N, C-alpha and C. Protein backbone atom coordinates (compact mmCIF):
# COMPACT_ATOMS: atom_id res chain seq x y z
N MET A 1 48.70 -36.38 -193.85
CA MET A 1 49.55 -35.22 -193.69
C MET A 1 48.66 -34.01 -193.44
N LEU A 2 49.00 -33.25 -192.44
CA LEU A 2 48.27 -32.06 -192.03
C LEU A 2 49.07 -30.82 -192.44
N ALA A 3 48.35 -29.77 -192.85
CA ALA A 3 49.03 -28.53 -193.23
C ALA A 3 48.20 -27.34 -192.75
N ILE A 4 48.88 -26.24 -192.49
CA ILE A 4 48.22 -24.98 -192.18
C ILE A 4 48.60 -24.00 -193.28
N ILE A 5 47.58 -23.50 -193.99
CA ILE A 5 47.82 -22.58 -195.11
C ILE A 5 47.26 -21.21 -194.77
N LYS A 6 47.76 -20.20 -195.50
CA LYS A 6 47.28 -18.84 -195.35
C LYS A 6 46.60 -18.43 -196.65
N SER A 7 45.36 -17.95 -196.53
CA SER A 7 44.62 -17.50 -197.70
C SER A 7 43.67 -16.38 -197.27
N GLY A 8 43.71 -15.28 -197.96
CA GLY A 8 42.82 -14.17 -197.66
C GLY A 8 43.05 -13.55 -196.30
N GLY A 9 44.28 -13.59 -195.79
CA GLY A 9 44.58 -13.02 -194.50
C GLY A 9 44.20 -13.88 -193.32
N LYS A 10 43.74 -15.12 -193.58
CA LYS A 10 43.35 -16.04 -192.52
C LYS A 10 44.13 -17.33 -192.68
N GLN A 11 44.16 -18.12 -191.61
CA GLN A 11 44.86 -19.39 -191.62
C GLN A 11 43.86 -20.53 -191.51
N TYR A 12 44.11 -21.62 -192.26
CA TYR A 12 43.21 -22.76 -192.29
C TYR A 12 44.00 -24.05 -192.09
N LYS A 13 43.48 -24.95 -191.28
CA LYS A 13 44.09 -26.27 -191.07
C LYS A 13 43.42 -27.22 -192.05
N VAL A 14 44.22 -27.86 -192.93
CA VAL A 14 43.68 -28.71 -193.97
C VAL A 14 44.44 -30.02 -194.05
N LYS A 15 43.79 -31.02 -194.63
CA LYS A 15 44.42 -32.29 -194.99
C LYS A 15 43.74 -32.78 -196.26
N GLU A 16 44.29 -33.81 -196.89
CA GLU A 16 43.75 -34.29 -198.14
C GLU A 16 42.31 -34.76 -197.96
N GLY A 17 41.46 -34.35 -198.90
CA GLY A 17 40.06 -34.74 -198.87
C GLY A 17 39.15 -33.76 -198.15
N ASP A 18 39.71 -32.76 -197.46
CA ASP A 18 38.89 -31.77 -196.75
C ASP A 18 38.23 -30.81 -197.73
N LYS A 19 37.04 -30.32 -197.35
CA LYS A 19 36.38 -29.25 -198.09
C LYS A 19 36.38 -28.02 -197.19
N VAL A 20 36.95 -26.92 -197.72
CA VAL A 20 37.15 -25.72 -196.93
C VAL A 20 36.49 -24.53 -197.63
N LYS A 21 35.81 -23.67 -196.86
CA LYS A 21 35.23 -22.44 -197.40
C LYS A 21 36.22 -21.31 -197.15
N LEU A 22 36.73 -20.74 -198.24
CA LEU A 22 37.70 -19.64 -198.18
C LEU A 22 37.07 -18.37 -198.72
N GLU A 23 37.71 -17.24 -198.46
CA GLU A 23 37.27 -16.01 -199.09
C GLU A 23 37.45 -16.14 -200.60
N LYS A 24 36.75 -15.31 -201.35
CA LYS A 24 36.68 -15.43 -202.80
C LYS A 24 38.05 -15.60 -203.45
N LEU A 25 38.16 -16.64 -204.29
CA LEU A 25 39.37 -16.91 -205.07
C LEU A 25 39.04 -16.77 -206.55
N GLU A 26 40.01 -16.35 -207.32
CA GLU A 26 39.84 -16.25 -208.76
C GLU A 26 39.90 -17.65 -209.36
N GLY A 27 39.04 -17.91 -210.33
CA GLY A 27 39.03 -19.20 -211.00
C GLY A 27 37.61 -19.71 -211.16
N GLU A 28 37.45 -20.65 -212.09
CA GLU A 28 36.14 -21.21 -212.37
C GLU A 28 35.97 -22.53 -211.62
N GLU A 29 34.72 -23.00 -211.57
CA GLU A 29 34.45 -24.28 -210.92
C GLU A 29 35.16 -25.40 -211.67
N GLY A 30 35.82 -26.27 -210.92
CA GLY A 30 36.54 -27.39 -211.51
C GLY A 30 38.01 -27.10 -211.78
N SER A 31 38.43 -25.84 -211.69
CA SER A 31 39.83 -25.52 -211.95
C SER A 31 40.68 -25.78 -210.71
N LEU A 32 41.98 -25.97 -210.93
CA LEU A 32 42.90 -26.26 -209.84
C LEU A 32 43.46 -24.97 -209.26
N VAL A 33 43.72 -25.00 -207.96
CA VAL A 33 44.26 -23.85 -207.24
C VAL A 33 45.43 -24.34 -206.40
N THR A 34 46.52 -23.56 -206.33
CA THR A 34 47.66 -23.95 -205.50
C THR A 34 47.88 -22.90 -204.42
N PHE A 35 48.19 -23.38 -203.23
CA PHE A 35 48.48 -22.50 -202.10
C PHE A 35 49.96 -22.67 -201.77
N GLN A 36 50.74 -21.60 -201.92
CA GLN A 36 52.17 -21.67 -201.67
C GLN A 36 52.53 -21.11 -200.30
N ASP A 37 51.59 -20.43 -199.65
CA ASP A 37 51.84 -19.89 -198.31
C ASP A 37 51.49 -20.96 -197.27
N VAL A 38 52.41 -21.91 -197.09
CA VAL A 38 52.21 -23.01 -196.15
C VAL A 38 53.03 -22.70 -194.89
N LEU A 39 52.35 -22.62 -193.75
CA LEU A 39 53.00 -22.27 -192.50
C LEU A 39 53.50 -23.48 -191.72
N PHE A 40 52.82 -24.63 -191.88
CA PHE A 40 53.12 -25.82 -191.08
C PHE A 40 52.73 -27.05 -191.89
N MET A 41 53.55 -28.09 -191.79
CA MET A 41 53.22 -29.39 -192.37
C MET A 41 53.69 -30.45 -191.39
N GLY A 42 52.95 -31.54 -191.31
CA GLY A 42 53.41 -32.60 -190.44
C GLY A 42 52.39 -33.70 -190.24
N ASP A 43 52.87 -34.76 -189.61
CA ASP A 43 52.03 -35.86 -189.16
C ASP A 43 52.57 -36.33 -187.82
N GLU A 44 52.18 -37.51 -187.34
CA GLU A 44 52.62 -37.93 -186.02
C GLU A 44 54.12 -38.26 -185.95
N ASN A 45 54.79 -38.44 -187.09
CA ASN A 45 56.21 -38.79 -187.08
C ASN A 45 57.14 -37.59 -187.28
N LYS A 46 56.74 -36.67 -188.14
CA LYS A 46 57.64 -35.57 -188.51
C LYS A 46 56.84 -34.28 -188.69
N ILE A 47 57.38 -33.16 -188.19
CA ILE A 47 56.74 -31.87 -188.39
C ILE A 47 57.75 -30.90 -188.98
N GLN A 48 57.20 -29.92 -189.73
CA GLN A 48 58.02 -28.84 -190.29
C GLN A 48 57.29 -27.53 -190.01
N ILE A 49 58.01 -26.57 -189.48
CA ILE A 49 57.44 -25.27 -189.17
C ILE A 49 58.19 -24.22 -189.98
N GLY A 50 57.44 -23.37 -190.69
CA GLY A 50 58.05 -22.35 -191.53
C GLY A 50 58.38 -21.09 -190.75
N LYS A 51 59.30 -20.31 -191.30
CA LYS A 51 59.70 -19.04 -190.68
C LYS A 51 59.67 -17.94 -191.73
N PRO A 52 58.59 -17.36 -192.13
CA PRO A 52 57.22 -17.69 -191.78
C PRO A 52 56.61 -18.77 -192.67
N PHE A 53 57.15 -19.00 -193.89
CA PHE A 53 56.58 -20.00 -194.79
C PHE A 53 57.60 -21.10 -195.06
N LEU A 54 57.11 -22.28 -195.43
CA LEU A 54 57.97 -23.41 -195.77
C LEU A 54 58.41 -23.28 -197.22
N GLU A 55 59.69 -23.54 -197.47
CA GLU A 55 60.23 -23.53 -198.83
C GLU A 55 59.86 -24.84 -199.52
N GLY A 56 59.30 -24.75 -200.73
CA GLY A 56 59.00 -25.94 -201.52
C GLY A 56 57.74 -26.67 -201.11
N ALA A 57 57.04 -26.23 -200.09
CA ALA A 57 55.80 -26.87 -199.68
C ALA A 57 54.66 -26.38 -200.56
N LEU A 58 53.73 -27.27 -200.85
CA LEU A 58 52.66 -26.94 -201.79
C LEU A 58 51.38 -27.67 -201.40
N VAL A 59 50.28 -26.96 -201.42
CA VAL A 59 48.97 -27.56 -201.18
C VAL A 59 48.12 -27.25 -202.41
N GLU A 60 47.53 -28.30 -203.00
CA GLU A 60 46.70 -28.12 -204.19
C GLU A 60 45.26 -28.44 -203.86
N GLY A 61 44.36 -27.75 -204.55
CA GLY A 61 42.94 -27.96 -204.35
C GLY A 61 42.17 -27.76 -205.63
N LYS A 62 40.90 -28.17 -205.59
CA LYS A 62 40.02 -28.06 -206.74
C LYS A 62 38.82 -27.20 -206.32
N ILE A 63 38.50 -26.19 -207.11
CA ILE A 63 37.38 -25.31 -206.78
C ILE A 63 36.07 -26.05 -207.06
N ILE A 64 35.24 -26.14 -206.03
CA ILE A 64 33.96 -26.81 -206.17
C ILE A 64 32.87 -25.81 -206.58
N ARG A 65 32.78 -24.71 -205.85
CA ARG A 65 31.76 -23.71 -206.16
C ARG A 65 32.13 -22.36 -205.56
N THR A 66 31.52 -21.31 -206.10
CA THR A 66 31.66 -19.95 -205.57
C THR A 66 30.27 -19.38 -205.42
N GLU A 67 29.93 -18.91 -204.22
CA GLU A 67 28.61 -18.34 -203.99
C GLU A 67 28.63 -17.38 -202.81
N LYS A 68 27.50 -16.77 -202.53
CA LYS A 68 27.40 -15.82 -201.43
C LYS A 68 27.02 -16.55 -200.15
N GLY A 69 27.54 -16.04 -199.03
CA GLY A 69 27.20 -16.60 -197.73
C GLY A 69 25.92 -15.99 -197.19
N LYS A 70 25.65 -16.24 -195.92
CA LYS A 70 24.46 -15.69 -195.27
C LYS A 70 24.61 -14.18 -195.08
N LYS A 71 23.48 -13.50 -195.02
CA LYS A 71 23.49 -12.05 -194.85
C LYS A 71 23.80 -11.68 -193.41
N VAL A 72 24.70 -10.71 -193.26
CA VAL A 72 25.05 -10.17 -191.95
C VAL A 72 24.52 -8.75 -191.91
N THR A 73 23.75 -8.40 -190.87
CA THR A 73 23.20 -7.05 -190.78
C THR A 73 23.75 -6.34 -189.56
N GLY A 74 23.68 -5.02 -189.62
CA GLY A 74 24.12 -4.19 -188.50
C GLY A 74 23.32 -2.91 -188.47
N VAL A 75 23.40 -2.20 -187.37
CA VAL A 75 22.65 -0.96 -187.20
C VAL A 75 23.57 0.10 -186.61
N LYS A 76 23.51 1.30 -187.19
CA LYS A 76 24.16 2.47 -186.60
C LYS A 76 23.06 3.31 -185.99
N PHE A 77 23.26 3.74 -184.75
CA PHE A 77 22.21 4.47 -184.05
C PHE A 77 22.83 5.50 -183.12
N LYS A 78 22.28 6.72 -183.15
CA LYS A 78 22.71 7.76 -182.22
C LYS A 78 21.49 8.27 -181.47
N ALA A 79 21.54 8.16 -180.17
CA ALA A 79 20.40 8.55 -179.33
C ALA A 79 20.13 10.05 -179.41
N LYS A 80 18.88 10.40 -179.41
CA LYS A 80 18.41 11.78 -179.36
C LYS A 80 18.80 12.62 -180.58
N LYS A 81 19.25 11.98 -181.66
CA LYS A 81 19.67 12.72 -182.85
C LYS A 81 18.86 12.33 -184.09
N ARG A 82 17.87 11.47 -183.94
CA ARG A 82 17.05 10.97 -185.05
C ARG A 82 17.91 10.36 -186.14
N TYR A 83 18.91 9.59 -185.73
CA TYR A 83 19.83 8.95 -186.68
C TYR A 83 19.80 7.45 -186.47
N LYS A 84 19.40 6.74 -187.52
CA LYS A 84 19.39 5.27 -187.48
C LYS A 84 19.61 4.76 -188.89
N VAL A 85 20.62 3.91 -189.08
CA VAL A 85 20.93 3.34 -190.39
C VAL A 85 21.10 1.84 -190.23
N LYS A 86 20.39 1.10 -191.05
CA LYS A 86 20.54 -0.36 -191.06
C LYS A 86 21.29 -0.74 -192.33
N PHE A 87 22.27 -1.63 -192.20
CA PHE A 87 23.05 -2.03 -193.36
C PHE A 87 23.23 -3.55 -193.35
N GLY A 88 23.55 -4.10 -194.51
CA GLY A 88 23.74 -5.54 -194.64
C GLY A 88 24.86 -5.85 -195.62
N HIS A 89 25.35 -7.09 -195.55
CA HIS A 89 26.47 -7.51 -196.38
C HIS A 89 26.42 -9.02 -196.57
N ARG A 90 26.68 -9.48 -197.77
CA ARG A 90 26.79 -10.92 -198.04
C ARG A 90 28.18 -11.18 -198.61
N GLN A 91 29.01 -11.90 -197.85
CA GLN A 91 30.38 -12.19 -198.26
C GLN A 91 30.40 -13.30 -199.31
N ILE A 92 31.20 -13.14 -200.34
CA ILE A 92 31.36 -14.18 -201.36
C ILE A 92 32.44 -15.14 -200.89
N PHE A 93 32.16 -16.45 -200.97
CA PHE A 93 33.13 -17.45 -200.57
C PHE A 93 33.32 -18.47 -201.68
N THR A 94 34.45 -19.17 -201.62
CA THR A 94 34.77 -20.23 -202.57
C THR A 94 35.00 -21.51 -201.77
N GLU A 95 34.32 -22.57 -202.17
CA GLU A 95 34.52 -23.87 -201.51
C GLU A 95 35.57 -24.65 -202.30
N VAL A 96 36.60 -25.11 -201.61
CA VAL A 96 37.72 -25.80 -202.24
C VAL A 96 37.89 -27.17 -201.59
N GLU A 97 38.09 -28.20 -202.44
CA GLU A 97 38.41 -29.53 -201.95
C GLU A 97 39.92 -29.73 -202.08
N ILE A 98 40.59 -30.07 -200.99
CA ILE A 98 42.03 -30.25 -200.99
C ILE A 98 42.36 -31.59 -201.60
N THR A 99 43.20 -31.59 -202.65
CA THR A 99 43.52 -32.82 -203.37
C THR A 99 44.93 -33.33 -203.07
N LYS A 100 45.86 -32.42 -202.73
CA LYS A 100 47.25 -32.85 -202.55
C LYS A 100 47.95 -31.96 -201.53
N VAL A 101 48.66 -32.60 -200.61
CA VAL A 101 49.50 -31.89 -199.65
C VAL A 101 50.91 -32.43 -199.81
N ALA A 102 51.84 -31.57 -200.31
CA ALA A 102 53.20 -32.05 -200.55
C ALA A 102 54.22 -31.00 -200.17
């Protein structure tokens, strides 16, 4: 069974057994997480599309780990003004293993 869920303002295509990196979620490693914002569920025989979400659809997962991603850097620069600023950011992500799609 395939599902499309919404988490952190983004959409992810998941199925049972998948490991997905999502934006930071509250919870400790090993705890269960449920996603109720399910936009689509289906397989080759039957599909369900939500308007915008499916009623009663549920995707469960287990938090594997939470850590920082790779560093992203950027530069602000203005010509002829002696202005240059370099900045960086490391996004925190949570890796989740999908255990149940129902």
